[in-house]
């Protein structure tokens, strides 16, 4: 059952993060290099690689290895450098946070700990 749960988590995580990563990639490197399917693959492979690294290493070293692996995927799939990969990743997180906050306001729910609005 654990495997099925992990597989569902990877699929759902990829579907949720791919549009934001794709939008950030298109903005930084352009539409020729940043394809939606690449963003989906980055999400899938990133989740798998993070799970493997997380099970093998812990603490700060494991987190750093996961970050480097994720940036490598962005760099490789979007055919860009390390700096642009970092910028794309940061912008994707910002876009996702803004969208989630707006959805929370519009739909009237909090993404916090259940004690009211998180902002």
PDB file of N, CA and C in Angstrom:
ATOM      1  N   UNK A   1       0.810  -1.193   0.000  1.00  0.00           N
ATOM      2  CA  UNK A   1       0.000   0.000   0.000  1.00  0.00           C
ATOM      3  C   UNK A   1       0.855   1.259   0.000  1.00  0.00           C
ATOM      4  N   UNK A   2       2.022   1.200   0.644  1.00  0.00           N
ATOM      5  CA  UNK A   2       2.901   2.376   0.673  1.00  0.00           C
ATOM      6  C   UNK A   2       3.322   2.782  -0.726  1.00  0.00           C
ATOM      7  N   UNK A   3       3.605   1.805  -1.569  1.00  0.00           N
ATOM      8  CA  UNK A   3       4.039   2.093  -2.935  1.00  0.00           C
ATOM      9  C   UNK A   3       2.942   2.812  -3.706  1.00  0.00           C
ATOM     10  N   UNK A   4       1.704   2.370  -3.547  1.00  0.00           N
ATOM     11  CA  UNK A   4       0.578   2.987  -4.248  1.00  0.00           C
ATOM     12  C   UNK A   4       0.403   4.431  -3.775  1.00  0.00           C
ATOM     13  N   UNK A   5       0.529   4.658  -2.487  1.00  0.00           N
ATOM     14  CA  UNK A   5       0.423   6.011  -1.943  1.00  0.00           C
ATOM     15  C   UNK A   5       1.522   6.916  -2.468  1.00  0.00           C
ATOM     16  N   UNK A   6       2.734   6.385  -2.544  1.00  0.00           N
ATOM     17  CA  UNK A   6       3.851   7.168  -3.080  1.00  0.00           C
ATOM     18  C   UNK A   6       3.634   7.475  -4.553  1.00  0.00           C
ATOM     19  N   UNK A   7       3.140   6.497  -5.295  1.00  0.00           N
ATOM     20  CA  UNK A   7       2.875   6.699  -6.718  1.00  0.00           C
ATOM     21  C   UNK A   7       1.800   7.766  -6.936  1.00  0.00           C
ATOM     22  N   UNK A   8       0.747   7.717  -6.141  1.00  0.00           N
ATOM     23  CA  UNK A   8      -0.306   8.729  -6.232  1.00  0.00           C
ATOM     24  C   UNK A   8       0.250  10.103  -5.883  1.00  0.00           C
ATOM     25  N   UNK A   9       1.095  10.172  -4.869  1.00  0.00           N
ATOM     26  CA  UNK A   9       1.717  11.435  -4.485  1.00  0.00           C
ATOM     27  C   UNK A   9       2.586  12.022  -5.591  1.00  0.00           C
ATOM     28  N   UNK A  10       3.322  11.168  -6.268  1.00  0.00           N
ATOM     29  CA  UNK A  10       4.169  11.624  -7.368  1.00  0.00           C
ATOM     30  C   UNK A  10       3.321  12.166  -8.508  1.00  0.00           C
ATOM     31  N   UNK A  11       2.270  11.443  -8.868  1.00  0.00           N
ATOM     32  CA  UNK A  11       1.410  11.862  -9.983  1.00  0.00           C
ATOM     33  C   UNK A  11       0.710  13.178  -9.645  1.00  0.00           C
ATOM     34  N   UNK A  12       0.115  13.252  -8.473  1.00  0.00           N
ATOM     35  CA  UNK A  12      -0.612  14.463  -8.082  1.00  0.00           C
ATOM     36  C   UNK A  12       0.351  15.643  -7.949  1.00  0.00           C
ATOM     37  N   UNK A  13       1.495  15.415  -7.325  1.00  0.00           N
ATOM     38  CA  UNK A  13       2.487  16.477  -7.188  1.00  0.00           C
ATOM     39  C   UNK A  13       2.967  16.999  -8.524  1.00  0.00           C
ATOM     40  N   UNK A  14       3.158  16.105  -9.471  1.00  0.00           N
ATOM     41  CA  UNK A  14       3.606  16.515 -10.803  1.00  0.00           C
ATOM     42  C   UNK A  14       2.541  17.316 -11.522  1.00  0.00           C
ATOM     43  N   UNK A  15       1.297  16.898 -11.387  1.00  0.00           N
ATOM     44  CA  UNK A  15       0.205  17.606 -12.040  1.00  0.00           C
ATOM     45  C   UNK A  15       0.038  19.003 -11.447  1.00  0.00           C
ATOM     46  N   UNK A  16       0.215  19.128 -10.147  1.00  0.00           N
ATOM     47  CA  UNK A  16       0.043  20.417  -9.487  1.00  0.00           C
ATOM     48  C   UNK A  16       1.207  21.360  -9.790  1.00  0.00           C
ATOM     49  N   UNK A  17       2.422  20.868  -9.755  1.00  0.00           N
ATOM     50  CA  UNK A  17       3.588  21.753  -9.916  1.00  0.00           C
ATOM     51  C   UNK A  17       3.943  22.043 -11.367  1.00  0.00           C
ATOM     52  N   UNK A  18       3.602  21.160 -12.280  1.00  0.00           N
ATOM     53  CA  UNK A  18       4.015  21.322 -13.681  1.00  0.00           C
ATOM     54  C   UNK A  18       3.578  22.639 -14.312  1.00  0.00           C
ATOM     55  N   UNK A  19       2.331  23.076 -14.149  1.00  0.00           N
ATOM     56  CA  UNK A  19       1.949  24.341 -14.796  1.00  0.00           C
ATOM     57  C   UNK A  19       2.768  25.541 -14.312  1.00  0.00           C
ATOM     58  N   UNK A  20       3.069  25.579 -13.024  1.00  0.00           N
ATOM     59  CA  UNK A  20       3.829  26.703 -12.476  1.00  0.00           C
ATOM     60  C   UNK A  20       5.276  26.672 -12.960  1.00  0.00           C
ATOM     61  N   UNK A  21       5.850  25.493 -12.995  1.00  0.00           N
ATOM     62  CA  UNK A  21       7.207  25.339 -13.498  1.00  0.00           C
ATOM     63  C   UNK A  21       7.270  25.684 -14.978  1.00  0.00           C
ATOM     64  N   UNK A  22       6.273  25.264 -15.717  1.00  0.00           N
ATOM     65  CA  UNK A  22       6.203  25.555 -17.151  1.00  0.00           C
ATOM     66  C   UNK A  22       6.090  27.058 -17.401  1.00  0.00           C
ATOM     67  N   UNK A  23       5.207  27.736 -16.659  1.00  0.00           N
ATOM     68  CA  UNK A  23       5.056  29.188 -16.821  1.00  0.00           C
ATOM     69  C   UNK A  23       6.356  29.923 -16.506  1.00  0.00           C
ATOM     70  N   UNK A  24       6.999  29.552 -15.418  1.00  0.00           N
ATOM     71  CA  UNK A  24       8.269  30.192 -15.053  1.00  0.00           C
ATOM     72  C   UNK A  24       9.338  29.901 -16.105  1.00  0.00           C
ATOM     73  N   UNK A  25       9.382  28.672 -16.598  1.00  0.00           N
ATOM     74  CA  UNK A  25      10.351  28.299 -17.623  1.00  0.00           C
ATOM     75  C   UNK A  25      10.138  29.064 -18.913  1.00  0.00           C
ATOM     76  N   UNK A  26       8.884  29.205 -19.321  1.00  0.00           N
ATOM     77  CA  UNK A  26       8.577  29.968 -20.548  1.00  0.00           C
ATOM     78  C   UNK A  26       9.003  31.424 -20.393  1.00  0.00           C
ATOM     79  N   UNK A  27       8.819  31.960 -19.198  1.00  0.00           N
ATOM     80  CA  UNK A  27       9.165  33.353 -18.964  1.00  0.00           C
ATOM     81  C   UNK A  27      10.681  33.558 -19.019  1.00  0.00           C
ATOM     82  N   UNK A  28      11.443  32.620 -18.474  1.00  0.00           N
ATOM     83  CA  UNK A  28      12.897  32.798 -18.386  1.00  0.00           C
ATOM     84  C   UNK A  28      13.610  32.304 -19.645  1.00  0.00           C
ATOM     85  N   UNK A  29      13.302  31.119 -20.143  1.00  0.00           N
ATOM     86  CA  UNK A  29      14.053  30.575 -21.288  1.00  0.00           C
ATOM     87  C   UNK A  29      13.267  30.549 -22.585  1.00  0.00           C
ATOM     88  N   UNK A  30      11.979  30.841 -22.541  1.00  0.00           N
ATOM     89  CA  UNK A  30      11.168  30.881 -23.760  1.00  0.00           C
ATOM     90  C   UNK A  30      10.454  29.573 -24.036  1.00  0.00           C
ATOM     91  N   UNK A  31       9.483  29.671 -24.934  1.00  0.00           N
ATOM     92  CA  UNK A  31       8.626  28.539 -25.244  1.00  0.00           C
ATOM     93  C   UNK A  31       9.295  27.409 -25.997  1.00  0.00           C
ATOM     94  N   UNK A  32      10.376  27.692 -26.720  1.00  0.00           N
ATOM     95  CA  UNK A  32      11.056  26.638 -27.471  1.00  0.00           C
ATOM     96  C   UNK A  32      11.752  25.645 -26.539  1.00  0.00           C
ATOM     97  N   UNK A  33      12.271  26.144 -25.423  1.00  0.00           N
ATOM     98  CA  UNK A  33      13.013  25.277 -24.510  1.00  0.00           C
ATOM     99  C   UNK A  33      12.147  24.745 -23.368  1.00  0.00           C
ATOM    100  N   UNK A  34      11.152  25.498 -22.957  1.00  0.00           N
ATOM    101  CA  UNK A  34      10.321  25.111 -21.818  1.00  0.00           C
ATOM    102  C   UNK A  34       8.993  24.558 -22.315  1.00  0.00           C
ATOM    103  N   UNK A  35       8.941  23.260 -22.452  1.00  0.00           N
ATOM    104  CA  UNK A  35       7.725  22.591 -22.902  1.00  0.00           C
ATOM    105  C   UNK A  35       6.979  22.030 -21.688  1.00  0.00           C
ATOM    106  N   UNK A  36       5.660  21.954 -21.813  1.00  0.00           N
ATOM    107  CA  UNK A  36       4.854  21.470 -20.687  1.00  0.00           C
ATOM    108  C   UNK A  36       5.214  20.033 -20.327  1.00  0.00           C
ATOM    109  N   UNK A  37       5.454  19.206 -21.325  1.00  0.00           N
ATOM    110  CA  UNK A  37       5.814  17.806 -21.033  1.00  0.00           C
ATOM    111  C   UNK A  37       7.127  17.730 -20.270  1.00  0.00           C
ATOM    112  N   UNK A  38       8.047  18.644 -20.568  1.00  0.00           N
ATOM    113  CA  UNK A  38       9.302  18.689 -19.808  1.00  0.00           C
ATOM    114  C   UNK A  38       9.038  19.037 -18.343  1.00  0.00           C
ATOM    115  N   UNK A  39       8.116  19.973 -18.122  1.00  0.00           N
ATOM    116  CA  UNK A  39       7.782  20.351 -16.748  1.00  0.00           C
ATOM    117  C   UNK A  39       7.171  19.165 -15.999  1.00  0.00           C
ATOM    118  N   UNK A  40       6.346  18.385 -16.679  1.00  0.00           N
ATOM    119  CA  UNK A  40       5.758  17.194 -16.053  1.00  0.00           C
ATOM    120  C   UNK A  40       6.856  16.190 -15.706  1.00  0.00           C
ATOM    121  N   UNK A  41       7.785  15.968 -16.640  1.00  0.00           N
ATOM    122  CA  UNK A  41       8.887  15.036 -16.374  1.00  0.00           C
ATOM    123  C   UNK A  41       9.773  15.520 -15.230  1.00  0.00           C
ATOM    124  N   UNK A  42      10.001  16.817 -15.156  1.00  0.00           N
ATOM    125  CA  UNK A  42      10.784  17.355 -14.038  1.00  0.00           C
ATOM    126  C   UNK A  42      10.068  17.050 -12.730  1.00  0.00           C
ATOM    127  N   UNK A  43       8.748  17.233 -12.712  1.00  0.00           N
ATOM    128  CA  UNK A  43       7.989  16.935 -11.502  1.00  0.00           C
ATOM    129  C   UNK A  43       8.044  15.467 -11.113  1.00  0.00           C
ATOM    130  N   UNK A  44       7.862  14.591 -12.087  1.00  0.00           N
ATOM    131  CA  UNK A  44       7.887  13.148 -11.811  1.00  0.00           C
ATOM    132  C   UNK A  44       9.270  12.697 -11.357  1.00  0.00           C
ATOM    133  N   UNK A  45      10.277  13.024 -12.169  1.00  0.00           N
ATOM    134  CA  UNK A  45      11.640  12.592 -11.827  1.00  0.00           C
ATOM    135  C   UNK A  45      12.141  13.263 -10.556  1.00  0.00           C
ATOM    136  N   UNK A  46      11.750  14.525 -10.358  1.00  0.00           N
ATOM    137  CA  UNK A  46      12.149  15.225  -9.138  1.00  0.00           C
ATOM    138  C   UNK A  46      11.595  14.553  -7.895  1.00  0.00           C
ATOM    139  N   UNK A  47      10.339  14.132  -7.957  1.00  0.00           N
ATOM    140  CA  UNK A  47       9.736  13.447  -6.812  1.00  0.00           C
ATOM    141  C   UNK A  47      10.414  12.100  -6.543  1.00  0.00           C
ATOM    142  N   UNK A  48      10.695  11.360  -7.610  1.00  0.00           N
ATOM    143  CA  UNK A  48      11.349  10.054  -7.452  1.00  0.00           C
ATOM    144  C   UNK A  48      12.768  10.227  -6.900  1.00  0.00           C
ATOM    145  N   UNK A  49      13.528  11.135  -7.505  1.00  0.00           N
ATOM    146  CA  UNK A  49      14.909  11.362  -7.057  1.00  0.00           C
ATOM    147  C   UNK A  49      14.925  11.867  -5.615  1.00  0.00           C
ATOM    148  N   UNK A  50      14.002  12.770  -5.274  1.00  0.00           N
ATOM    149  CA  UNK A  50      13.939  13.267  -3.901  1.00  0.00           C
ATOM    150  C   UNK A  50      13.607  12.157  -2.917  1.00  0.00           C
ATOM    151  N   UNK A  51      12.716  11.253  -3.298  1.00  0.00           N
ATOM    152  CA  UNK A  51      12.374  10.134  -2.424  1.00  0.00           C
ATOM    153  C   UNK A  51      13.582   9.218  -2.210  1.00  0.00           C
ATOM    154  N   UNK A  52      14.301   8.947  -3.283  1.00  0.00           N
ATOM    155  CA  UNK A  52      15.480   8.076  -3.178  1.00  0.00           C
ATOM    156  C   UNK A  52      16.563   8.736  -2.329  1.00  0.00           C
ATOM    157  N   UNK A  53      16.864   9.984  -2.639  1.00  0.00           N
ATOM    158  CA  UNK A  53      17.903  10.689  -1.872  1.00  0.00           C
ATOM    159  C   UNK A  53      17.481  10.825  -0.413  1.00  0.00           C
ATOM    160  N   UNK A  54      16.196  11.147  -0.185  1.00  0.00           N
ATOM    161  CA  UNK A  54      15.703  11.295   1.179  1.00  0.00           C
ATOM    162  C   UNK A  54      15.794  10.015   1.981  1.00  0.00           C
ATOM    163  N   UNK A  55      15.641   8.870   1.322  1.00  0.00           N
ATOM    164  CA  UNK A  55      15.732   7.604   2.049  1.00  0.00           C
ATOM    165  C   UNK A  55      17.184   7.192   2.298  1.00  0.00           C
ATOM    166  N   UNK A  56      18.095   7.697   1.477  1.00  0.00           N
ATOM    167  CA  UNK A  56      19.508   7.343   1.636  1.00  0.00           C
ATOM    168  C   UNK A  56      20.271   8.318   2.517  1.00  0.00           C
ATOM    169  N   UNK A  57      19.904   9.595   2.452  1.00  0.00           N
ATOM    170  CA  UNK A  57      20.608  10.631   3.211  1.00  0.00           C
ATOM    171  C   UNK A  57      19.597  11.431   4.007  1.00  0.00           C
ATOM    172  N   UNK A  58      20.027  11.938   5.108  1.00  0.00           N
ATOM    173  CA  UNK A  58      19.143  12.775   5.902  1.00  0.00           C
ATOM    174  C   UNK A  58      19.803  14.107   6.209  1.00  0.00           C
ATOM    175  N   UNK A  59      19.087  14.928   6.879  1.00  0.00           N
ATOM    176  CA  UNK A  59      19.621  16.198   7.349  1.00  0.00           C
ATOM    177  C   UNK A  59      19.946  17.180   6.235  1.00  0.00           C
ATOM    178  N   UNK A  60      20.883  18.043   6.543  1.00  0.00           N
ATOM    179  CA  UNK A  60      21.261  19.112   5.624  1.00  0.00           C
ATOM    180  C   UNK A  60      21.913  18.587   4.350  1.00  0.00           C
ATOM    181  N   UNK A  61      22.716  17.553   4.467  1.00  0.00           N
ATOM    182  CA  UNK A  61      23.386  16.989   3.287  1.00  0.00           C
ATOM    183  C   UNK A  61      22.347  16.416   2.323  1.00  0.00           C
ATOM    184  N   UNK A  62      21.371  15.716   2.847  1.00  0.00           N
ATOM    185  CA  UNK A  62      20.306  15.157   2.013  1.00  0.00           C
ATOM    186  C   UNK A  62      19.485  16.244   1.343  1.00  0.00           C
ATOM    187  N   UNK A  63      19.169  17.294   2.100  1.00  0.00           N
ATOM    188  CA  UNK A  63      18.405  18.407   1.531  1.00  0.00           C
ATOM    189  C   UNK A  63      19.186  19.110   0.433  1.00  0.00           C
ATOM    190  N   UNK A  64      20.464  19.311   0.642  1.00  0.00           N
ATOM    191  CA  UNK A  64      21.318  19.942  -0.375  1.00  0.00           C
ATOM    192  C   UNK A  64      21.416  19.062  -1.619  1.00  0.00           C
ATOM    193  N   UNK A  65      21.549  17.764  -1.424  1.00  0.00           N
ATOM    194  CA  UNK A  65      21.606  16.838  -2.562  1.00  0.00           C
ATOM    195  C   UNK A  65      20.286  16.850  -3.331  1.00  0.00           C
ATOM    196  N   UNK A  66      19.162  16.926  -2.628  1.00  0.00           N
ATOM    197  CA  UNK A  66      17.862  16.992  -3.296  1.00  0.00           C
ATOM    198  C   UNK A  66      17.727  18.278  -4.099  1.00  0.00           C
ATOM    199  N   UNK A  67      18.174  19.395  -3.540  1.00  0.00           N
ATOM    200  CA  UNK A  67      18.116  20.674  -4.239  1.00  0.00           C
ATOM    201  C   UNK A  67      18.965  20.644  -5.501  1.00  0.00           C
ATOM    202  N   UNK A  68      20.175  20.130  -5.392  1.00  0.00           N
ATOM    203  CA  UNK A  68      21.067  20.049  -6.550  1.00  0.00           C
ATOM    204  C   UNK A  68      20.473  19.139  -7.624  1.00  0.00           C
ATOM    205  N   UNK A  69      19.913  18.014  -7.211  1.00  0.00           N
ATOM    206  CA  UNK A  69      19.300  17.089  -8.173  1.00  0.00           C
ATOM    207  C   UNK A  69      18.121  17.748  -8.886  1.00  0.00           C
ATOM    208  N   UNK A  70      17.284  18.460  -8.147  1.00  0.00           N
ATOM    209  CA  UNK A  70      16.128  19.131  -8.751  1.00  0.00           C
ATOM    210  C   UNK A  70      16.584  20.221  -9.722  1.00  0.00           C
ATOM    211  N   UNK A  71      17.543  21.029  -9.318  1.00  0.00           N
ATOM    212  CA  UNK A  71      18.047  22.076 -10.208  1.00  0.00           C
ATOM    213  C   UNK A  71      18.695  21.471 -11.448  1.00  0.00           C
ATOM    214  N   UNK A  72      19.345  20.329 -11.290  1.00  0.00           N
ATOM    215  CA  UNK A  72      19.929  19.650 -12.445  1.00  0.00           C
ATOM    216  C   UNK A  72      18.839  19.228 -13.436  1.00  0.00           C
ATOM    217  N   UNK A  73      17.712  18.735 -12.927  1.00  0.00           N
ATOM    218  CA  UNK A  73      16.602  18.355 -13.808  1.00  0.00           C
ATOM    219  C   UNK A  73      16.067  19.574 -14.564  1.00  0.00           C
ATOM    220  N   UNK A  74      15.872  20.681 -13.860  1.00  0.00           N
ATOM    221  CA  UNK A  74      15.385  21.904 -14.508  1.00  0.00           C
ATOM    222  C   UNK A  74      16.394  22.363 -15.546  1.00  0.00           C
ATOM    223  N   UNK A  75      17.655  22.361 -15.186  1.00  0.00           N
ATOM    224  CA  UNK A  75      18.736  22.778 -16.094  1.00  0.00           C
ATOM    225  C   UNK A  75      18.761  21.909 -17.342  1.00  0.00           C
ATOM    226  N   UNK A  76      18.642  20.620 -17.173  1.00  0.00           N
ATOM    227  CA  UNK A  76      18.734  19.686 -18.292  1.00  0.00           C
ATOM    228  C   UNK A  76      17.510  19.754 -19.197  1.00  0.00           C
ATOM    229  N   UNK A  77      16.329  19.677 -18.623  1.00  0.00           N
ATOM    230  CA  UNK A  77      15.114  19.639 -19.435  1.00  0.00           C
ATOM    231  C   UNK A  77      14.806  20.972 -20.104  1.00  0.00           C
ATOM    232  N   UNK A  78      15.110  22.086 -19.442  1.00  0.00           N
ATOM    233  CA  UNK A  78      14.843  23.397 -20.030  1.00  0.00           C
ATOM    234  C   UNK A  78      16.057  23.970 -20.757  1.00  0.00           C
ATOM    235  N   UNK A  79      17.102  23.171 -20.872  1.00  0.00           N
ATOM    236  CA  UNK A  79      18.314  23.526 -21.626  1.00  0.00           C
ATOM    237  C   UNK A  79      18.822  24.913 -21.260  1.00  0.00           C
ATOM    238  N   UNK A  80      19.161  25.080 -19.997  1.00  0.00           N
ATOM    239  CA  UNK A  80      19.630  26.358 -19.499  1.00  0.00           C
ATOM    240  C   UNK A  80      20.776  26.137 -18.520  1.00  0.00           C
ATOM    241  N   UNK A  81      21.247  27.198 -17.924  1.00  0.00           N
ATOM    242  CA  UNK A  81      22.337  27.106 -16.963  1.00  0.00           C
ATOM    243  C   UNK A  81      21.822  26.947 -15.539  1.00  0.00           C
ATOM    244  N   UNK A  82      22.760  26.790 -14.616  1.00  0.00           N
ATOM    245  CA  UNK A  82      22.410  26.605 -13.217  1.00  0.00           C
ATOM    246  C   UNK A  82      21.692  27.827 -12.647  1.00  0.00           C
ATOM    247  N   UNK A  83      22.139  29.017 -13.012  1.00  0.00           N
ATOM    248  CA  UNK A  83      21.516  30.242 -12.509  1.00  0.00           C
ATOM    249  C   UNK A  83      20.074  30.365 -12.954  1.00  0.00           C
ATOM    250  N   UNK A  84      19.835  30.145 -14.241  1.00  0.00           N
ATOM    251  CA  UNK A  84      18.461  30.208 -14.743  1.00  0.00           C
ATOM    252  C   UNK A  84      17.593  29.100 -14.146  1.00  0.00           C
ATOM    253  N   UNK A  85      18.185  27.941 -13.900  1.00  0.00           N
ATOM    254  CA  UNK A  85      17.423  26.855 -13.269  1.00  0.00           C
ATOM    255  C   UNK A  85      16.964  27.273 -11.872  1.00  0.00           C
ATOM    256  N   UNK A  86      17.846  27.937 -11.139  1.00  0.00           N
ATOM    257  CA  UNK A  86      17.480  28.414  -9.797  1.00  0.00           C
ATOM    258  C   UNK A  86      16.403  29.491  -9.887  1.00  0.00           C
ATOM    259  N   UNK A  87      16.551  30.411 -10.839  1.00  0.00           N
ATOM    260  CA  UNK A  87      15.559  31.479 -11.005  1.00  0.00           C
ATOM    261  C   UNK A  87      14.203  30.893 -11.395  1.00  0.00           C
ATOM    262  N   UNK A  88      14.198  29.942 -12.319  1.00  0.00           N
ATOM    263  CA  UNK A  88      12.947  29.295 -12.733  1.00  0.00           C
ATOM    264  C   UNK A  88      12.270  28.637 -11.536  1.00  0.00           C
ATOM    265  N   UNK A  89      13.041  27.943 -10.728  1.00  0.00           N
ATOM    266  CA  UNK A  89      12.479  27.250  -9.568  1.00  0.00           C
ATOM    267  C   UNK A  89      11.900  28.230  -8.557  1.00  0.00           C
ATOM    268  N   UNK A  90      12.607  29.314  -8.306  1.00  0.00           N
ATOM    269  CA  UNK A  90      12.125  30.316  -7.353  1.00  0.00           C
ATOM    270  C   UNK A  90      10.852  30.979  -7.869  1.00  0.00           C
ATOM    271  N   UNK A  91      10.846  31.352  -9.145  1.00  0.00           N
ATOM    272  CA  UNK A  91       9.661  31.987  -9.720  1.00  0.00           C
ATOM    273  C   UNK A  91       8.472  31.033  -9.714  1.00  0.00           C
ATOM    274  N   UNK A  92       8.711  29.755  -9.980  1.00  0.00           N
ATOM    275  CA  UNK A  92       7.620  28.771  -9.955  1.00  0.00           C
ATOM    276  C   UNK A  92       6.998  28.695  -8.560  1.00  0.00           C
ATOM    277  N   UNK A  93       7.825  28.722  -7.534  1.00  0.00           N
ATOM    278  CA  UNK A  93       7.315  28.679  -6.164  1.00  0.00           C
ATOM    279  C   UNK A  93       6.514  29.947  -5.855  1.00  0.00           C
ATOM    280  N   UNK A  94       7.002  31.095  -6.304  1.00  0.00           N
ATOM    281  CA  UNK A  94       6.288  32.353  -6.063  1.00  0.00           C
ATOM    282  C   UNK A  94       4.940  32.351  -6.776  1.00  0.00           C
ATOM    283  N   UNK A  95       4.920  31.929  -8.050  1.00  0.00           N
ATOM    284  CA  UNK A  95       3.657  31.868  -8.791  1.00  0.00           C
ATOM    285  C   UNK A  95       2.677  30.931  -8.091  1.00  0.00           C
ATOM    286  N   UNK A  96       3.161  29.766  -7.654  1.00  0.00           N
ATOM    287  CA  UNK A  96       2.287  28.812  -6.989  1.00  0.00           C
ATOM    288  C   UNK A  96       1.747  29.398  -5.685  1.00  0.00           C
ATOM    289  N   UNK A  97       2.579  30.079  -4.915  1.00  0.00           N
ATOM    290  CA  UNK A  97       2.124  30.673  -3.661  1.00  0.00           C
ATOM    291  C   UNK A  97       1.061  31.732  -3.907  1.00  0.00           C
ATOM    292  N   UNK A  98       1.271  32.569  -4.915  1.00  0.00           N
ATOM    293  CA  UNK A  98       0.285  33.605  -5.234  1.00  0.00           C
ATOM    294  C   UNK A  98      -1.040  32.975  -5.650  1.00  0.00           C
ATOM    295  N   UNK A  99      -0.982  31.973  -6.508  1.00  0.00           N
ATOM    296  CA  UNK A  99      -2.208  31.309  -6.962  1.00  0.00           C
ATOM    297  C   UNK A  99      -2.930  30.659  -5.781  1.00  0.00           C
ATOM    298  N   UNK A 100      -2.194  30.007  -4.890  1.00  0.00           N
ATOM    299  CA  UNK A 100      -2.838  29.362  -3.740  1.00  0.00           C
ATOM    300  C   UNK A 100      -3.461  30.378  -2.789  1.00  0.00           C
ATOM    301  N   UNK A 101      -2.803  31.515  -2.585  1.00  0.00           N
ATOM    302  CA  UNK A 101      -3.368  32.556  -1.731  1.00  0.00           C
ATOM    303  C   UNK A 101      -4.641  33.119  -2.359  1.00  0.00           C
ATOM    304  N   UNK A 102      -4.593  33.405  -3.662  1.00  0.00           N
ATOM    305  CA  UNK A 102      -5.779  33.934  -4.348  1.00  0.00           C
ATOM    306  C   UNK A 102      -6.918  32.914  -4.299  1.00  0.00           C
ATOM    307  N   UNK A 103      -6.622  31.658  -4.552  1.00  0.00           N
ATOM    308  CA  UNK A 103      -7.655  30.618  -4.464  1.00  0.00           C
ATOM    309  C   UNK A 103      -8.223  30.528  -3.049  1.00  0.00           C
ATOM    310  N   UNK A 104      -7.360  30.647  -2.067  1.00  0.00           N
ATOM    311  CA  UNK A 104      -7.817  30.613  -0.681  1.00  0.00           C
ATOM    312  C   UNK A 104      -8.757  31.758  -0.362  1.00  0.00           C
ATOM    313  N   UNK A 105      -8.432  32.942  -0.873  1.00  0.00           N
ATOM    314  CA  UNK A 105      -9.288  34.102  -0.635  1.00  0.00           C
ATOM    315  C   UNK A 105     -10.609  33.948  -1.379  1.00  0.00           C
ATOM    316  N   UNK A 106     -10.521  33.565  -2.645  1.00  0.00           N
ATOM    317  CA  UNK A 106     -11.732  33.445  -3.466  1.00  0.00           C
ATOM    318  C   UNK A 106     -12.651  32.342  -2.948  1.00  0.00           C
ATOM    319  N   UNK A 107     -12.076  31.217  -2.601  1.00  0.00           N
ATOM    320  CA  UNK A 107     -12.882  30.076  -2.156  1.00  0.00           C
ATOM    321  C   UNK A 107     -13.164  30.096  -0.659  1.00  0.00           C
ATOM    322  N   UNK A 108     -12.499  30.993   0.062  1.00  0.00           N
ATOM    323  CA  UNK A 108     -12.770  31.164   1.481  1.00  0.00           C
ATOM    324  C   UNK A 108     -12.189  30.103   2.390  1.00  0.00           C
ATOM    325  N   UNK A 109     -11.023  29.601   2.062  1.00  0.00           N
ATOM    326  CA  UNK A 109     -10.391  28.639   2.961  1.00  0.00           C
ATOM    327  C   UNK A 109      -8.950  29.044   3.226  1.00  0.00           C
ATOM    328  N   UNK A 110      -8.406  28.505   4.289  1.00  0.00           N
ATOM    329  CA  UNK A 110      -7.043  28.816   4.685  1.00  0.00           C
ATOM    330  C   UNK A 110      -6.146  27.624   4.416  1.00  0.00           C
ATOM    331  N   UNK A 111      -4.931  27.911   3.991  1.00  0.00           N
ATOM    332  CA  UNK A 111      -3.956  26.847   3.814  1.00  0.00           C
ATOM    333  C   UNK A 111      -3.071  26.703   5.041  1.00  0.00           C
ATOM    334  N   UNK A 112      -3.409  27.408   6.098  1.00  0.00           N
ATOM    335  CA  UNK A 112      -2.648  27.372   7.330  1.00  0.00           C
ATOM    336  C   UNK A 112      -3.001  26.162   8.168  1.00  0.00           C
ATOM    337  N   UNK A 113      -2.813  26.297   9.468  1.00  0.00           N
ATOM    338  CA  UNK A 113      -2.999  25.168  10.376  1.00  0.00           C
ATOM    339  C   UNK A 113      -4.428  25.047  10.873  1.00  0.00           C
ATOM    340  N   UNK A 114      -5.365  25.730  10.256  1.00  0.00           N
ATOM    341  CA  UNK A 114      -6.748  25.602  10.675  1.00  0.00           C
ATOM    342  C   UNK A 114      -7.172  26.629  11.699  1.00  0.00           C
ATOM    343  N   UNK A 115      -6.335  27.605  11.980  1.00  0.00           N
ATOM    344  CA  UNK A 115      -6.650  28.618  12.982  1.00  0.00           C
ATOM    345  C   UNK A 115      -6.975  29.957  12.328  1.00  0.00           C
ATOM    346  N   UNK A 116      -7.573  29.912  11.168  1.00  0.00           N
ATOM    347  CA  UNK A 116      -7.917  31.144  10.489  1.00  0.00           C
ATOM    348  C   UNK A 116      -6.952  31.425   9.355  1.00  0.00           C
ATOM    349  N   UNK A 117      -7.049  32.612   8.771  1.00  0.00           N
ATOM    350  CA  UNK A 117      -6.164  32.945   7.641  1.00  0.00           C
ATOM    351  C   UNK A 117      -4.692  32.895   8.040  1.00  0.00           C
ATOM    352  N   UNK A 118      -3.866  32.475   7.123  1.00  0.00           N
ATOM    353  CA  UNK A 118      -2.441  32.358   7.417  1.00  0.00           C
ATOM    354  C   UNK A 118      -1.696  33.640   7.145  1.00  0.00           C
ATOM    355  N   UNK A 119      -2.369  34.673   6.654  1.00  0.00           N
ATOM    356  CA  UNK A 119      -1.678  35.935   6.386  1.00  0.00           C
ATOM    357  C   UNK A 119      -2.200  37.014   7.293  1.00  0.00           C
TER     358      UNK A 119
END
